[in-house]
């Protein structure tokens, strides 16, 4: 998440390993595996956007799910960009 004035950017970057065929450079395997990584990142960004829009104020937590690390108000942003 990156907020600039009244614009919020939601960007999810994923990493993953390649199968043996993709590591050898098999075009179809590379295409499929890159597509899967990109689509999964996009889904997570869209899910975050829906969560933010579900209430005027939402909280984000650390990996334990116990400690709030950020609070965000939907009304603070005029535009959302999801990637």
PDB file of N, CA and C in Angstrom:
ATOM      1  N   UNK A   1       0.838  -1.161   0.000  1.00  0.00           N
ATOM      2  CA  UNK A   1       0.000   0.000   0.000  1.00  0.00           C
ATOM      3  C   UNK A   1       0.888   1.230   0.000  1.00  0.00           C
ATOM      4  N   UNK A   2       0.519   2.165  -0.822  1.00  0.00           N
ATOM      5  CA  UNK A   2       1.215   3.435  -0.876  1.00  0.00           C
ATOM      6  C   UNK A   2       0.174   4.513  -1.080  1.00  0.00           C
ATOM      7  N   UNK A   3       0.072   5.420  -0.133  1.00  0.00           N
ATOM      8  CA  UNK A   3      -0.856   6.535  -0.247  1.00  0.00           C
ATOM      9  C   UNK A   3      -0.120   7.786  -0.649  1.00  0.00           C
ATOM     10  N   UNK A   4      -0.616   8.455  -1.676  1.00  0.00           N
ATOM     11  CA  UNK A   4      -0.060   9.721  -2.141  1.00  0.00           C
ATOM     12  C   UNK A   4      -1.222  10.696  -2.224  1.00  0.00           C
ATOM     13  N   UNK A   5      -1.207  11.682  -1.351  1.00  0.00           N
ATOM     14  CA  UNK A   5      -2.328  12.614  -1.221  1.00  0.00           C
ATOM     15  C   UNK A   5      -3.612  11.821  -0.997  1.00  0.00           C
ATOM     16  N   UNK A   6      -4.556  11.893  -1.940  1.00  0.00           N
ATOM     17  CA  UNK A   6      -5.820  11.169  -1.774  1.00  0.00           C
ATOM     18  C   UNK A   6      -5.938   9.988  -2.744  1.00  0.00           C
ATOM     19  N   UNK A   7      -4.778   9.443  -3.134  1.00  0.00           N
ATOM     20  CA  UNK A   7      -4.734   8.288  -4.027  1.00  0.00           C
ATOM     21  C   UNK A   7      -4.019   7.149  -3.307  1.00  0.00           C
ATOM     22  N   UNK A   8      -4.595   5.947  -3.404  1.00  0.00           N
ATOM     23  CA  UNK A   8      -3.997   4.776  -2.772  1.00  0.00           C
ATOM     24  C   UNK A   8      -3.623   3.762  -3.838  1.00  0.00           C
ATOM     25  N   UNK A   9      -2.367   3.322  -3.808  1.00  0.00           N
ATOM     26  CA  UNK A   9      -1.874   2.283  -4.708  1.00  0.00           C
ATOM     27  C   UNK A   9      -1.793   0.987  -3.920  1.00  0.00           C
ATOM     28  N   UNK A  10      -2.443  -0.048  -4.432  1.00  0.00           N
ATOM     29  CA  UNK A  10      -2.380  -1.382  -3.838  1.00  0.00           C
ATOM     30  C   UNK A  10      -1.625  -2.272  -4.818  1.00  0.00           C
ATOM     31  N   UNK A  11      -0.405  -2.644  -4.441  1.00  0.00           N
ATOM     32  CA  UNK A  11       0.436  -3.440  -5.332  1.00  0.00           C
ATOM     33  C   UNK A  11       0.894  -4.675  -4.587  1.00  0.00           C
ATOM     34  N   UNK A  12       0.720  -5.818  -5.206  1.00  0.00           N
ATOM     35  CA  UNK A  12       1.149  -7.085  -4.611  1.00  0.00           C
ATOM     36  C   UNK A  12       2.185  -7.709  -5.531  1.00  0.00           C
ATOM     37  N   UNK A  13       3.349  -7.983  -4.998  1.00  0.00           N
ATOM     38  CA  UNK A  13       4.407  -8.652  -5.762  1.00  0.00           C
ATOM     39  C   UNK A  13       4.571 -10.058  -5.217  1.00  0.00           C
ATOM     40  N   UNK A  14       4.647 -11.013  -6.109  1.00  0.00           N
ATOM     41  CA  UNK A  14       4.782 -12.414  -5.706  1.00  0.00           C
ATOM     42  C   UNK A  14       6.106 -12.955  -6.229  1.00  0.00           C
ATOM     43  N   UNK A  15       6.595 -13.944  -5.535  1.00  0.00           N
ATOM     44  CA  UNK A  15       7.797 -14.654  -5.971  1.00  0.00           C
ATOM     45  C   UNK A  15       7.486 -16.141  -5.926  1.00  0.00           C
ATOM     46  N   UNK A  16       8.144 -16.868  -6.747  1.00  0.00           N
ATOM     47  CA  UNK A  16       7.922 -18.309  -6.745  1.00  0.00           C
ATOM     48  C   UNK A  16       9.003 -19.021  -7.515  1.00  0.00           C
ATOM     49  N   UNK A  17       9.116 -20.289  -7.277  1.00  0.00           N
ATOM     50  CA  UNK A  17      10.101 -21.089  -7.983  1.00  0.00           C
ATOM     51  C   UNK A  17       9.532 -21.617  -9.294  1.00  0.00           C
ATOM     52  N   UNK A  18      10.418 -22.055 -10.147  1.00  0.00           N
ATOM     53  CA  UNK A  18      10.020 -22.623 -11.429  1.00  0.00           C
ATOM     54  C   UNK A  18      10.072 -24.137 -11.387  1.00  0.00           C
ATOM     55  N   UNK A  19       9.219 -24.730 -12.168  1.00  0.00           N
ATOM     56  CA  UNK A  19       9.280 -26.177 -12.361  1.00  0.00           C
ATOM     57  C   UNK A  19      10.526 -26.490 -13.198  1.00  0.00           C
ATOM     58  N   UNK A  20      10.848 -27.760 -13.299  1.00  0.00           N
ATOM     59  CA  UNK A  20      12.027 -28.156 -14.089  1.00  0.00           C
ATOM     60  C   UNK A  20      11.873 -27.744 -15.544  1.00  0.00           C
ATOM     61  N   UNK A  21      10.678 -27.915 -16.097  1.00  0.00           N
ATOM     62  CA  UNK A  21      10.489 -27.559 -17.509  1.00  0.00           C
ATOM     63  C   UNK A  21      10.620 -26.047 -17.725  1.00  0.00           C
ATOM     64  N   UNK A  22      10.112 -25.251 -16.801  1.00  0.00           N
ATOM     65  CA  UNK A  22      10.254 -23.799 -16.930  1.00  0.00           C
ATOM     66  C   UNK A  22      11.715 -23.398 -16.769  1.00  0.00           C
ATOM     67  N   UNK A  23      12.425 -24.055 -15.868  1.00  0.00           N
ATOM     68  CA  UNK A  23      13.851 -23.764 -15.676  1.00  0.00           C
ATOM     69  C   UNK A  23      14.659 -24.068 -16.933  1.00  0.00           C
ATOM     70  N   UNK A  24      14.213 -25.053 -17.694  1.00  0.00           N
ATOM     71  CA  UNK A  24      14.897 -25.387 -18.958  1.00  0.00           C
ATOM     72  C   UNK A  24      14.523 -24.405 -20.068  1.00  0.00           C
ATOM     73  N   UNK A  25      13.528 -23.559 -19.796  1.00  0.00           N
ATOM     74  CA  UNK A  25      13.134 -22.563 -20.785  1.00  0.00           C
ATOM     75  C   UNK A  25      11.949 -22.966 -21.636  1.00  0.00           C
ATOM     76  N   UNK A  26      11.201 -23.981 -21.205  1.00  0.00           N
ATOM     77  CA  UNK A  26      10.019 -24.391 -21.965  1.00  0.00           C
ATOM     78  C   UNK A  26       9.022 -23.239 -21.977  1.00  0.00           C
ATOM     79  N   UNK A  27       8.771 -22.735 -23.164  1.00  0.00           N
ATOM     80  CA  UNK A  27       7.953 -21.531 -23.318  1.00  0.00           C
ATOM     81  C   UNK A  27       6.583 -21.630 -22.651  1.00  0.00           C
ATOM     82  N   UNK A  28       5.883 -22.711 -22.896  1.00  0.00           N
ATOM     83  CA  UNK A  28       4.531 -22.870 -22.361  1.00  0.00           C
ATOM     84  C   UNK A  28       4.551 -22.917 -20.828  1.00  0.00           C
ATOM     85  N   UNK A  29       5.522 -23.618 -20.268  1.00  0.00           N
ATOM     86  CA  UNK A  29       5.646 -23.681 -18.802  1.00  0.00           C
ATOM     87  C   UNK A  29       5.958 -22.317 -18.217  1.00  0.00           C
ATOM     88  N   UNK A  30       6.874 -21.589 -18.848  1.00  0.00           N
ATOM     89  CA  UNK A  30       7.197 -20.242 -18.375  1.00  0.00           C
ATOM     90  C   UNK A  30       5.968 -19.348 -18.414  1.00  0.00           C
ATOM     91  N   UNK A  31       5.251 -19.393 -19.522  1.00  0.00           N
ATOM     92  CA  UNK A  31       4.042 -18.566 -19.670  1.00  0.00           C
ATOM     93  C   UNK A  31       3.029 -18.893 -18.576  1.00  0.00           C
ATOM     94  N   UNK A  32       2.775 -20.179 -18.360  1.00  0.00           N
ATOM     95  CA  UNK A  32       1.801 -20.587 -17.353  1.00  0.00           C
ATOM     96  C   UNK A  32       2.216 -20.172 -15.943  1.00  0.00           C
ATOM     97  N   UNK A  33       3.485 -20.362 -15.613  1.00  0.00           N
ATOM     98  CA  UNK A  33       3.933 -20.054 -14.256  1.00  0.00           C
ATOM     99  C   UNK A  33       3.975 -18.556 -13.992  1.00  0.00           C
ATOM    100  N   UNK A  34       4.411 -17.758 -14.965  1.00  0.00           N
ATOM    101  CA  UNK A  34       4.356 -16.306 -14.793  1.00  0.00           C
ATOM    102  C   UNK A  34       2.917 -15.836 -14.670  1.00  0.00           C
ATOM    103  N   UNK A  35       2.042 -16.393 -15.482  1.00  0.00           N
ATOM    104  CA  UNK A  35       0.630 -16.032 -15.431  1.00  0.00           C
ATOM    105  C   UNK A  35       0.046 -16.324 -14.057  1.00  0.00           C
ATOM    106  N   UNK A  36       0.344 -17.503 -13.515  1.00  0.00           N
ATOM    107  CA  UNK A  36      -0.157 -17.859 -12.183  1.00  0.00           C
ATOM    108  C   UNK A  36       0.313 -16.873 -11.128  1.00  0.00           C
ATOM    109  N   UNK A  37       1.594 -16.487 -11.176  1.00  0.00           N
ATOM    110  CA  UNK A  37       2.122 -15.532 -10.194  1.00  0.00           C
ATOM    111  C   UNK A  37       1.454 -14.170 -10.317  1.00  0.00           C
ATOM    112  N   UNK A  38       1.286 -13.705 -11.534  1.00  0.00           N
ATOM    113  CA  UNK A  38       0.678 -12.388 -11.759  1.00  0.00           C
ATOM    114  C   UNK A  38      -0.783 -12.395 -11.324  1.00  0.00           C
ATOM    115  N   UNK A  39      -1.508 -13.437 -11.698  1.00  0.00           N
ATOM    116  CA  UNK A  39      -2.932 -13.516 -11.352  1.00  0.00           C
ATOM    117  C   UNK A  39      -3.122 -13.588  -9.844  1.00  0.00           C
ATOM    118  N   UNK A  40      -2.297 -14.370  -9.155  1.00  0.00           N
ATOM    119  CA  UNK A  40      -2.423 -14.477  -7.699  1.00  0.00           C
ATOM    120  C   UNK A  40      -2.158 -13.137  -7.022  1.00  0.00           C
ATOM    121  N   UNK A  41      -1.156 -12.407  -7.469  1.00  0.00           N
ATOM    122  CA  UNK A  41      -0.888 -11.078  -6.920  1.00  0.00           C
ATOM    123  C   UNK A  41      -2.049 -10.131  -7.157  1.00  0.00           C
ATOM    124  N   UNK A  42      -2.614 -10.170  -8.352  1.00  0.00           N
ATOM    125  CA  UNK A  42      -3.763  -9.325  -8.683  1.00  0.00           C
ATOM    126  C   UNK A  42      -4.953  -9.657  -7.781  1.00  0.00           C
ATOM    127  N   UNK A  43      -5.205 -10.943  -7.561  1.00  0.00           N
ATOM    128  CA  UNK A  43      -6.314 -11.350  -6.686  1.00  0.00           C
ATOM    129  C   UNK A  43      -6.135 -10.805  -5.274  1.00  0.00           C
ATOM    130  N   UNK A  44      -4.919 -10.875  -4.769  1.00  0.00           N
ATOM    131  CA  UNK A  44      -4.690 -10.382  -3.410  1.00  0.00           C
ATOM    132  C   UNK A  44      -4.888  -8.872  -3.325  1.00  0.00           C
ATOM    133  N   UNK A  45      -4.451  -8.146  -4.336  1.00  0.00           N
ATOM    134  CA  UNK A  45      -4.664  -6.694  -4.347  1.00  0.00           C
ATOM    135  C   UNK A  45      -6.149  -6.361  -4.409  1.00  0.00           C
ATOM    136  N   UNK A  46      -6.888  -7.089  -5.226  1.00  0.00           N
ATOM    137  CA  UNK A  46      -8.329  -6.863  -5.333  1.00  0.00           C
ATOM    138  C   UNK A  46      -9.034  -7.208  -4.028  1.00  0.00           C
ATOM    139  N   UNK A  47      -8.588  -8.257  -3.361  1.00  0.00           N
ATOM    140  CA  UNK A  47      -9.170  -8.625  -2.073  1.00  0.00           C
ATOM    141  C   UNK A  47      -8.913  -7.524  -1.036  1.00  0.00           C
ATOM    142  N   UNK A  48      -7.728  -6.940  -1.049  1.00  0.00           N
ATOM    143  CA  UNK A  48      -7.422  -5.830  -0.130  1.00  0.00           C
ATOM    144  C   UNK A  48      -8.315  -4.633  -0.433  1.00  0.00           C
ATOM    145  N   UNK A  49      -8.538  -4.354  -1.706  1.00  0.00           N
ATOM    146  CA  UNK A  49      -9.411  -3.232  -2.075  1.00  0.00           C
ATOM    147  C   UNK A  49     -10.836  -3.472  -1.570  1.00  0.00           C
ATOM    148  N   UNK A  50     -11.357  -4.681  -1.743  1.00  0.00           N
ATOM    149  CA  UNK A  50     -12.710  -4.982  -1.246  1.00  0.00           C
ATOM    150  C   UNK A  50     -12.776  -4.825   0.273  1.00  0.00           C
ATOM    151  N   UNK A  51     -11.742  -5.267   0.966  1.00  0.00           N
ATOM    152  CA  UNK A  51     -11.691  -5.147   2.420  1.00  0.00           C
ATOM    153  C   UNK A  51     -11.715  -3.673   2.827  1.00  0.00           C
ATOM    154  N   UNK A  52     -10.926  -2.859   2.180  1.00  0.00           N
ATOM    155  CA  UNK A  52     -10.873  -1.430   2.502  1.00  0.00           C
ATOM    156  C   UNK A  52     -12.230  -0.773   2.263  1.00  0.00           C
ATOM    157  N   UNK A  53     -12.897  -1.141   1.190  1.00  0.00           N
ATOM    158  CA  UNK A  53     -14.187  -0.552   0.846  1.00  0.00           C
ATOM    159  C   UNK A  53     -15.336  -1.121   1.679  1.00  0.00           C
ATOM    160  N   UNK A  54     -15.082  -2.185   2.441  1.00  0.00           N
ATOM    161  CA  UNK A  54     -16.149  -2.826   3.213  1.00  0.00           C
ATOM    162  C   UNK A  54     -16.568  -2.029   4.443  1.00  0.00           C
ATOM    163  N   UNK A  55     -15.747  -1.094   4.863  1.00  0.00           N
ATOM    164  CA  UNK A  55     -16.029  -0.320   6.058  1.00  0.00           C
ATOM    165  C   UNK A  55     -15.301   1.009   5.915  1.00  0.00           C
ATOM    166  N   UNK A  56     -15.731   2.049   6.606  1.00  0.00           N
ATOM    167  CA  UNK A  56     -15.038   3.326   6.478  1.00  0.00           C
ATOM    168  C   UNK A  56     -13.631   3.267   7.055  1.00  0.00           C
ATOM    169  N   UNK A  57     -13.413   2.433   8.064  1.00  0.00           N
ATOM    170  CA  UNK A  57     -12.083   2.322   8.653  1.00  0.00           C
ATOM    171  C   UNK A  57     -11.763   0.849   8.887  1.00  0.00           C
ATOM    172  N   UNK A  58     -10.614   0.407   8.369  1.00  0.00           N
ATOM    173  CA  UNK A  58     -10.211  -0.992   8.521  1.00  0.00           C
ATOM    174  C   UNK A  58      -8.796  -1.058   9.083  1.00  0.00           C
ATOM    175  N   UNK A  59      -8.491  -2.184   9.698  1.00  0.00           N
ATOM    176  CA  UNK A  59      -7.178  -2.399  10.291  1.00  0.00           C
ATOM    177  C   UNK A  59      -6.441  -3.496   9.547  1.00  0.00           C
ATOM    178  N   UNK A  60      -5.136  -3.343   9.471  1.00  0.00           N
ATOM    179  CA  UNK A  60      -4.253  -4.373   8.929  1.00  0.00           C
ATOM    180  C   UNK A  60      -3.346  -4.834  10.056  1.00  0.00           C
ATOM    181  N   UNK A  61      -3.099  -6.134  10.092  1.00  0.00           N
ATOM    182  CA  UNK A  61      -2.369  -6.741  11.197  1.00  0.00           C
ATOM    183  C   UNK A  61      -1.090  -7.404  10.711  1.00  0.00           C
ATOM    184  N   UNK A  62      -0.183  -7.639  11.659  1.00  0.00           N
ATOM    185  CA  UNK A  62       1.053  -8.338  11.333  1.00  0.00           C
ATOM    186  C   UNK A  62       0.768  -9.804  11.027  1.00  0.00           C
ATOM    187  N   UNK A  63       1.823 -10.556  10.763  1.00  0.00           N
ATOM    188  CA  UNK A  63       1.651 -11.956  10.356  1.00  0.00           C
ATOM    189  C   UNK A  63       1.019 -12.834  11.427  1.00  0.00           C
ATOM    190  N   UNK A  64       1.057 -12.398  12.689  1.00  0.00           N
ATOM    191  CA  UNK A  64       0.428 -13.180  13.759  1.00  0.00           C
ATOM    192  C   UNK A  64      -1.077 -12.940  13.810  1.00  0.00           C
ATOM    193  N   UNK A  65      -1.521 -11.829  13.226  1.00  0.00           N
ATOM    194  CA  UNK A  65      -2.932 -11.480  13.250  1.00  0.00           C
ATOM    195  C   UNK A  65      -3.362 -10.832  14.551  1.00  0.00           C
ATOM    196  N   UNK A  66      -2.408 -10.508  15.402  1.00  0.00           N
ATOM    197  CA  UNK A  66      -2.733  -9.934  16.717  1.00  0.00           C
ATOM    198  C   UNK A  66      -2.400  -8.455  16.846  1.00  0.00           C
ATOM    199  N   UNK A  67      -1.323  -8.032  16.220  1.00  0.00           N
ATOM    200  CA  UNK A  67      -0.862  -6.649  16.392  1.00  0.00           C
ATOM    201  C   UNK A  67      -1.234  -5.813  15.169  1.00  0.00           C
ATOM    202  N   UNK A  68      -1.994  -4.756  15.414  1.00  0.00           N
ATOM    203  CA  UNK A  68      -2.376  -3.853  14.333  1.00  0.00           C
ATOM    204  C   UNK A  68      -1.137  -3.080  13.885  1.00  0.00           C
ATOM    205  N   UNK A  69      -0.900  -3.076  12.574  1.00  0.00           N
ATOM    206  CA  UNK A  69       0.257  -2.344  12.057  1.00  0.00           C
ATOM    207  C   UNK A  69      -0.151  -1.119  11.253  1.00  0.00           C
ATOM    208  N   UNK A  70      -1.416  -1.094  10.820  1.00  0.00           N
ATOM    209  CA  UNK A  70      -1.869   0.067  10.055  1.00  0.00           C
ATOM    210  C   UNK A  70      -3.391   0.136  10.080  1.00  0.00           C
ATOM    211  N   UNK A  71      -3.902   1.342  10.127  1.00  0.00           N
ATOM    212  CA  UNK A  71      -5.342   1.592  10.071  1.00  0.00           C
ATOM    213  C   UNK A  71      -5.584   2.534   8.896  1.00  0.00           C
ATOM    214  N   UNK A  72      -6.627   2.228   8.137  1.00  0.00           N
ATOM    215  CA  UNK A  72      -6.879   2.973   6.914  1.00  0.00           C
ATOM    216  C   UNK A  72      -8.342   3.379   6.846  1.00  0.00           C
ATOM    217  N   UNK A  73      -8.594   4.619   6.471  1.00  0.00           N
ATOM    218  CA  UNK A  73      -9.961   5.112   6.293  1.00  0.00           C
ATOM    219  C   UNK A  73     -10.274   5.198   4.803  1.00  0.00           C
ATOM    220  N   UNK A  74     -11.337   4.537   4.421  1.00  0.00           N
ATOM    221  CA  UNK A  74     -11.773   4.550   3.021  1.00  0.00           C
ATOM    222  C   UNK A  74     -12.014   5.981   2.539  1.00  0.00           C
ATOM    223  N   UNK A  75     -12.591   6.792   3.374  1.00  0.00           N
ATOM    224  CA  UNK A  75     -12.953   8.159   2.982  1.00  0.00           C
ATOM    225  C   UNK A  75     -11.740   9.074   2.784  1.00  0.00           C
ATOM    226  N   UNK A  76     -10.547   8.627   3.205  1.00  0.00           N
ATOM    227  CA  UNK A  76      -9.343   9.443   3.027  1.00  0.00           C
ATOM    228  C   UNK A  76      -8.827   9.433   1.594  1.00  0.00           C
ATOM    229  N   UNK A  77      -9.360   8.516   0.767  1.00  0.00           N
ATOM    230  CA  UNK A  77      -8.820   8.363  -0.584  1.00  0.00           C
ATOM    231  C   UNK A  77      -9.912   8.559  -1.631  1.00  0.00           C
ATOM    232  N   UNK A  78      -9.553   9.321  -2.643  1.00  0.00           N
ATOM    233  CA  UNK A  78     -10.471   9.613  -3.741  1.00  0.00           C
ATOM    234  C   UNK A  78     -10.382   8.550  -4.820  1.00  0.00           C
ATOM    235  N   UNK A  79      -9.217   7.935  -4.967  1.00  0.00           N
ATOM    236  CA  UNK A  79      -8.995   6.994  -6.075  1.00  0.00           C
ATOM    237  C   UNK A  79      -8.109   5.851  -5.604  1.00  0.00           C
ATOM    238  N   UNK A  80      -8.373   4.684  -6.126  1.00  0.00           N
ATOM    239  CA  UNK A  80      -7.592   3.476  -5.815  1.00  0.00           C
ATOM    240  C   UNK A  80      -7.033   2.906  -7.111  1.00  0.00           C
ATOM    241  N   UNK A  81      -5.774   2.533  -7.092  1.00  0.00           N
ATOM    242  CA  UNK A  81      -5.148   1.832  -8.224  1.00  0.00           C
ATOM    243  C   UNK A  81      -4.709   0.474  -7.706  1.00  0.00           C
ATOM    244  N   UNK A  82      -5.131  -0.568  -8.388  1.00  0.00           N
ATOM    245  CA  UNK A  82      -4.850  -1.933  -7.952  1.00  0.00           C
ATOM    246  C   UNK A  82      -3.987  -2.618  -9.001  1.00  0.00           C
ATOM    247  N   UNK A  83      -2.907  -3.239  -8.529  1.00  0.00           N
ATOM    248  CA  UNK A  83      -2.018  -3.959  -9.449  1.00  0.00           C
ATOM    249  C   UNK A  83      -1.412  -5.151  -8.750  1.00  0.00           C
TER     250      UNK A  83
END
